[in-house]
C-alpha atoms as a PDB file:
ATOM      1  CA  MET A   1      14.275 -10.638 -10.680  1.00  0.00           C
ATOM      2  CA  GLN A   2      12.356 -10.978 -14.162  1.00  0.00           C
ATOM      3  CA  LYS A   3       9.988 -13.556 -12.866  1.00  0.00           C
ATOM      4  CA  GLN A   4       8.920 -10.692 -10.314  1.00  0.00           C
ATOM      5  CA  ALA A   5       8.318  -8.086 -13.046  1.00  0.00           C
ATOM      6  CA  PRO A   6       4.438  -8.819 -13.673  1.00  0.00           C
ATOM      7  CA  TYR A   7       3.788  -8.362  -9.870  1.00  0.00           C
ATOM      8  CA  LEU A   8       5.844  -5.221  -9.281  1.00  0.00           C
ATOM      9  CA  GLY A   9       4.017  -2.000  -8.864  1.00  0.00           C
ATOM     10  CA  MET A  10       1.093  -0.922  -6.820  1.00  0.00           C
ATOM     11  CA  TRP A  11      -1.614  -3.299  -5.329  1.00  0.00           C
ATOM     12  CA  VAL A  12      -4.972  -1.790  -3.720  1.00  0.00           C
ATOM     13  CA  THR A  13      -8.015  -3.125  -2.002  1.00  0.00           C
ATOM     14  CA  ARG A  14     -11.126  -2.513  -3.511  1.00  0.00           C
ATOM     15  CA  ASP A  15     -12.134  -0.031  -0.779  1.00  0.00           C
ATOM     16  CA  GLY A  16      -8.516   1.843  -1.544  1.00  0.00           C
ATOM     17  CA  TYR A  17      -7.615   1.486   2.308  1.00  0.00           C
ATOM     18  CA  ILE A  18      -4.803  -0.720   1.704  1.00  0.00           C
ATOM     19  CA  ARG A  19      -2.256   0.114  -0.767  1.00  0.00           C
ATOM     20  CA  GLN A  20       1.202  -2.043  -1.292  1.00  0.00           C
ATOM     21  CA  GLU A  21       3.544  -1.205  -3.449  1.00  0.00           C
ATOM     22  CA  LEU A  22       6.203  -3.891  -4.545  1.00  0.00           C
ATOM     23  CA  LEU A  23       9.441  -2.358  -5.451  1.00  0.00           C
ATOM     24  CA  PRO A  24      12.125  -4.021  -7.700  1.00  0.00           C
ATOM     25  CA  ASP A  25      14.673  -4.283  -4.984  1.00  0.00           C
ATOM     26  CA  GLY A  26      12.484  -6.747  -3.062  1.00  0.00           C
ATOM     27  CA  ARG A  27      11.051  -4.524  -0.679  1.00  0.00           C
ATOM     28  CA  TYR A  28       7.542  -3.333  -0.147  1.00  0.00           C
ATOM     29  CA  ASP A  29       5.799  -0.117   1.340  1.00  0.00           C
ATOM     30  CA  GLU A  30       2.213  -0.333   2.665  1.00  0.00           C
ATOM     31  CA  ALA A  31      -0.075   2.294   3.353  1.00  0.00           C
ATOM     32  CA  ARG A  32      -3.372   2.075   5.306  1.00  0.00           C
ATOM     33  CA  GLY A  33      -5.941   4.771   5.044  1.00  0.00           C
ATOM     34  CA  LYS A  34      -3.966   8.271   5.594  1.00  0.00           C
ATOM     35  CA  THR A  35      -0.871   6.418   6.989  1.00  0.00           C
ATOM     36  CA  LYS A  36       1.942   6.411   4.620  1.00  0.00           C
ATOM     37  CA  SER A  37       4.518   3.629   5.086  1.00  0.00           C
ATOM     38  CA  ALA A  38       2.335   1.743   7.794  1.00  0.00           C
ATOM     39  CA  TYR A  39       4.124  -1.480   7.183  1.00  0.00           C
ATOM     40  CA  THR A  40       7.596  -1.901   5.290  1.00  0.00           C
ATOM     41  CA  GLY A  41       9.343  -4.841   4.808  1.00  0.00           C
ATOM     42  CA  SER A  42      10.827  -7.308   2.308  1.00  0.00           C
ATOM     43  CA  TYR A  43       9.425  -9.930   0.042  1.00  0.00           C
ATOM     44  CA  VAL A  44      10.254 -13.009  -1.947  1.00  0.00           C
ATOM     45  CA  ILE A  45       8.095 -14.265  -4.839  1.00  0.00           C
ATOM     46  CA  LYS A  46       8.225 -18.052  -6.066  1.00  0.00           C
ATOM     47  CA  GLY A  47       5.812 -18.944  -9.074  1.00  0.00           C
ATOM     48  CA  ASN A  48       2.582 -17.283  -7.811  1.00  0.00           C
ATOM     49  CA  HIS A  49       3.491 -17.313  -4.161  1.00  0.00           C
ATOM     50  CA  ILE A  50       4.466 -14.196  -2.012  1.00  0.00           C
ATOM     51  CA  LYS A  51       6.359 -14.397   1.244  1.00  0.00           C
ATOM     52  CA  TYR A  52       6.461 -11.109   3.252  1.00  0.00           C
ATOM     53  CA  ARG A  53       8.722 -10.307   6.181  1.00  0.00           C
ATOM     54  CA  ASP A  54       8.199  -6.809   7.497  1.00  0.00           C
ATOM     55  CA  ASP A  55      10.773  -4.714   9.195  1.00  0.00           C
ATOM     56  CA  SER A  56       9.206  -5.909  12.818  1.00  0.00           C
ATOM     57  CA  GLY A  57       9.747  -9.386  12.125  1.00  0.00           C
ATOM     58  CA  PHE A  58       6.086 -10.240  11.313  1.00  0.00           C
ATOM     59  CA  SER A  59       5.893 -12.893   8.341  1.00  0.00           C
ATOM     60  CA  ALA A  60       2.448 -13.265   6.089  1.00  0.00           C
ATOM     61  CA  THR A  61       2.307 -14.977   2.605  1.00  0.00           C
ATOM     62  CA  GLY A  62      -0.110 -14.247  -0.284  1.00  0.00           C
ATOM     63  CA  ASN A  63      -0.894 -15.739  -3.710  1.00  0.00           C
ATOM     64  CA  PHE A  64      -1.403 -14.442  -7.159  1.00  0.00           C
ATOM     65  CA  MET A  65      -4.140 -15.657  -8.985  1.00  0.00           C
ATOM     66  CA  ASN A  66      -5.557 -14.436 -12.513  1.00  0.00           C
ATOM     67  CA  GLY A  67      -4.056 -10.863 -11.800  1.00  0.00           C
ATOM     68  CA  VAL A  68      -5.237 -10.613  -8.426  1.00  0.00           C
ATOM     69  CA  LEU A  69      -3.483 -10.900  -5.149  1.00  0.00           C
ATOM     70  CA  TYR A  70      -4.918 -12.626  -2.122  1.00  0.00           C
ATOM     71  CA  HIS A  71      -2.914 -11.648   0.925  1.00  0.00           C
ATOM     72  CA  GLY A  72      -3.942 -11.538   4.961  1.00  0.00           C
ATOM     73  CA  GLY A  73      -7.693 -11.979   3.933  1.00  0.00           C
ATOM     74  CA  HIS A  74      -7.771  -9.127   1.630  1.00  0.00           C
ATOM     75  CA  THR A  75      -8.103  -8.752  -2.076  1.00  0.00           C
ATOM     76  CA  PHE A  76      -5.877  -6.659  -3.941  1.00  0.00           C
ATOM     77  CA  TYR A  77      -5.877  -5.330  -7.583  1.00  0.00           C
ATOM     78  CA  LYS A  78      -3.024  -4.057  -9.587  1.00  0.00           C
ATOM     79  CA  VAL A  79      -3.288  -0.457 -10.625  1.00  0.00           C
ATOM     80  CA  ASP A  80      -1.495   2.472 -12.153  1.00  0.00           C
ATOM     81  CA  ILE A  81       0.773   3.724  -9.532  1.00  0.00           C
ATOM     82  CA  ALA A  82       0.786   7.408 -10.948  1.00  0.00           C
ATOM     83  CA  PRO A  83      -2.309   8.749  -8.711  1.00  0.00           C
ATOM     84  CA  TYR A  84      -0.665   7.390  -5.598  1.00  0.00           C
ATOM     85  CA  LYS A  85       2.749   9.136  -6.537  1.00  0.00           C
ATOM     86  CA  GLU A  86       1.085  12.281  -6.901  1.00  0.00           C
ATOM     87  CA  ASN A  87      -0.842  12.074  -3.717  1.00  0.00           C
ATOM     88  CA  MET A  88      -4.216  12.009  -5.425  1.00  0.00           C
ATOM     89  CA  ALA A  89      -5.413   8.510  -4.392  1.00  0.00           C
ATOM     90  CA  PRO A  90      -8.925   7.891  -5.316  1.00  0.00           C
ATOM     91  CA  ALA A  91     -11.473   7.204  -2.703  1.00  0.00           C
ATOM     92  CA  SER A  92     -12.007   3.451  -3.860  1.00  0.00           C
ATOM     93  CA  ILE A  93     -10.490   1.385  -6.592  1.00  0.00           C
ATOM     94  CA  SER A  94     -13.949   1.748  -8.814  1.00  0.00           C
ATOM     95  CA  SER A  95     -12.542   4.815  -9.834  1.00  0.00           C
ATOM     96  CA  LEU A  96      -9.053   3.633 -10.974  1.00  0.00           C
ATOM     97  CA  MET A  97      -7.754   1.987 -14.407  1.00  0.00           C
ATOM     98  CA  LEU A  98      -7.010  -1.865 -13.401  1.00  0.00           C
ATOM     99  CA  ILE A  99      -3.894  -3.044 -14.993  1.00  0.00           C
END
């Protein structure tokens, strides 16, 4: 679990449309647009590689490189989770503080 620590938290596409939270219990919760929990499931991280399996059985992979997550043809940036927990998600990542 300790190896996952740098990767835990909120990852967001530049436009803010896809928001994926990697939780400490090995679960993820992905929102798309105004749809909260559009996809949920489990994940496993080995090195800089992440494997996802959503609750419907679909699986996917991604890679962390230089503080960025590349997954499913999208680029995700780690951000402060507080605005998302308070339902004040910004319209785009340009208005966020990257971590």
